[in-house]
Amino acid sequence: MFSRRRIKEIGDTKFVLGEIVENSELLIENTKVKNEGNEEARGDTLALGISEVSLTTSSWLSAASFQNTSRVLIDTAIQGGVDELRGLKENVIIGRLIPAGTGLRRDISTSQGTEDGLKTEEGEM
């Protein structure tokens, strides 16, 4: 509900004035430009309903499954959008394992050491 912000000052970021972005995306971009010594973006917190939040998600497949299906699909086709299938909903829609528990893909693991340990154990078996 409060996970989106409307950009009011773009600073030296990739954002456009008035763009609605997720808080996490704003934080990542601001950290990046701050480390480069540039000016951060600022945004106002938005109170959005469930319909509006679902339409501003980065997953077009998830957005299309909720509401305004034809509009979302047409806009995505025109823009050449690609869905990276990182969320639960879009993976359930296409019939893949969800990215949680045993369905979590190893290629997005944050710990390289864990993967090496698994490879060693597999090699010994």
Protein backbone atom coordinates (compact mmCIF):
# COMPACT_ATOMS: atom_id res chain seq x y z
CA MET A 1 0.00 0.00 0.00
CA PHE A 2 2.86 2.40 0.81
CA SER A 3 5.50 0.65 -1.30
CA ARG A 4 5.56 3.21 -4.13
CA ARG A 5 6.90 6.74 -4.49
CA ARG A 6 6.27 9.47 -7.05
CA ILE A 7 9.56 11.08 -8.11
CA LYS A 8 9.60 14.81 -7.35
CA GLU A 9 13.35 15.49 -7.79
CA ILE A 10 15.29 13.30 -10.23
CA GLY A 11 18.81 14.27 -9.19
CA ASP A 12 21.34 12.36 -11.30
CA THR A 13 19.28 9.16 -11.47
CA LYS A 14 17.59 7.35 -14.35
CA PHE A 15 14.10 8.34 -13.17
CA VAL A 16 11.67 10.74 -14.84
CA LEU A 17 9.85 13.49 -12.97
CA GLY A 18 6.46 12.17 -11.82
CA GLU A 19 7.39 8.52 -12.37
CA ILE A 20 5.99 6.01 -9.86
CA VAL A 21 8.65 3.58 -8.61
CA GLU A 22 8.95 0.94 -5.91
CA ASN A 23 10.74 2.00 -2.72
CA SER A 24 13.37 -0.70 -3.22
CA GLU A 25 14.13 0.49 -6.77
CA LEU A 26 14.54 4.08 -5.54
CA LEU A 27 16.84 2.93 -2.73
CA ILE A 28 19.05 0.89 -5.08
CA GLU A 29 19.35 3.73 -7.61
CA ASN A 30 20.05 6.34 -4.90
CA THR A 31 22.76 4.14 -3.37
CA LYS A 32 24.35 3.76 -6.80
CA VAL A 33 24.43 7.50 -7.57
CA LYS A 34 25.52 8.37 -4.03
CA ASN A 35 28.53 6.05 -4.36
CA GLU A 36 29.42 7.84 -7.60
CA GLY A 37 29.22 11.19 -5.79
CA ASN A 38 26.10 12.36 -7.61
CA GLU A 39 22.76 13.75 -6.43
CA GLU A 40 20.05 11.37 -5.24
CA ALA A 41 16.40 11.35 -6.33
CA ARG A 42 13.58 12.24 -3.96
CA GLY A 43 10.00 11.09 -4.00
CA ASP A 44 6.74 11.42 -2.13
CA THR A 45 5.23 8.29 -0.59
CA LEU A 46 1.99 7.25 -2.26
CA ALA A 47 -0.96 5.48 -0.68
CA LEU A 48 -2.19 3.21 -3.46
CA GLY A 49 -4.98 0.68 -3.46
CA ILE A 50 -4.46 -2.96 -4.38
CA SER A 51 -5.54 -2.37 -8.00
CA GLU A 52 -3.09 0.48 -8.54
CA VAL A 53 -0.20 -1.38 -6.87
CA SER A 54 -0.77 -4.44 -9.05
CA LEU A 55 -0.65 -2.30 -12.21
CA THR A 56 2.65 -0.64 -11.22
CA THR A 57 4.51 -3.89 -10.58
CA SER A 58 7.60 -4.71 -12.65
CA SER A 59 6.02 -7.99 -13.76
CA TRP A 60 3.67 -7.39 -16.67
CA LEU A 61 2.36 -10.95 -16.42
CA SER A 62 1.31 -10.39 -12.82
CA ALA A 63 -0.26 -7.02 -13.69
CA ALA A 64 -2.18 -8.47 -16.65
CA SER A 65 -3.59 -11.29 -14.54
CA PHE A 66 -5.15 -8.87 -12.07
CA GLN A 67 -6.97 -6.14 -13.97
CA ASN A 68 -7.06 -4.32 -17.34
CA THR A 69 -5.61 -7.39 -19.06
CA SER A 70 -5.88 -6.17 -22.66
CA ARG A 71 -4.43 -2.73 -21.85
CA VAL A 72 -1.46 -4.21 -19.96
CA LEU A 73 -0.74 -6.74 -22.73
CA ILE A 74 -0.99 -4.11 -25.49
CA ASP A 75 1.26 -1.64 -23.63
CA THR A 76 3.81 -4.37 -22.93
CA ALA A 77 3.81 -5.57 -26.54
CA ILE A 78 4.34 -2.02 -27.83
CA GLN A 79 7.21 -1.46 -25.38
CA GLY A 80 8.75 -4.88 -26.05
CA GLY A 81 8.56 -5.79 -22.37
CA VAL A 82 10.21 -8.88 -20.92
CA ASP A 83 9.03 -10.51 -17.70
CA GLU A 84 11.89 -12.08 -15.74
CA LEU A 85 9.48 -14.32 -13.77
CA ARG A 86 10.96 -13.55 -10.35
CA GLY A 87 7.74 -13.47 -8.31
CA LEU A 88 5.42 -16.16 -7.01
CA LYS A 89 2.36 -15.16 -9.02
CA GLU A 90 3.92 -15.16 -12.48
CA ASN A 91 5.62 -18.53 -11.87
CA VAL A 92 2.32 -20.08 -10.75
CA ILE A 93 0.58 -18.69 -13.86
CA ILE A 94 3.00 -20.41 -16.24
CA GLY A 95 3.24 -23.60 -14.17
CA ARG A 96 6.81 -23.37 -12.91
CA LEU A 97 8.10 -24.00 -9.41
CA ILE A 98 7.75 -20.93 -7.22
CA PRO A 99 10.99 -19.17 -6.27
CA ALA A 100 10.82 -20.27 -2.63
CA GLY A 101 11.94 -23.31 -0.67
CA THR A 102 13.10 -26.14 -2.94
CA GLY A 103 11.94 -24.17 -5.99
CA LEU A 104 14.46 -21.39 -5.35
CA ARG A 105 16.84 -21.24 -8.28
CA ARG A 106 20.52 -21.59 -7.49
CA ASP A 107 21.58 -19.08 -10.15
CA ILE A 108 20.17 -16.24 -8.01
CA SER A 109 21.83 -17.42 -4.80
CA THR A 110 23.55 -14.66 -2.84
CA SER A 111 26.18 -16.95 -1.37
CA GLN A 112 28.82 -18.32 -3.73
CA GLY A 113 30.27 -20.41 -0.91
CA THR A 114 27.01 -22.29 -0.53
CA GLU A 115 27.01 -23.29 -4.19
CA ASP A 116 30.62 -24.49 -3.98
CA GLY A 117 29.71 -26.57 -0.94
CA LEU A 118 26.82 -28.16 -2.78
CA LYS A 119 28.99 -28.97 -5.78
CA THR A 120 31.58 -30.62 -3.52
CA GLU A 121 28.95 -32.73 -1.78
CA GLU A 122 27.42 -33.76 -5.11
CA GLY A 123 30.85 -34.67 -6.47
CA GLU A 124 31.61 -36.91 -3.49
CA MET A 125 28.36 -38.86 -3.79
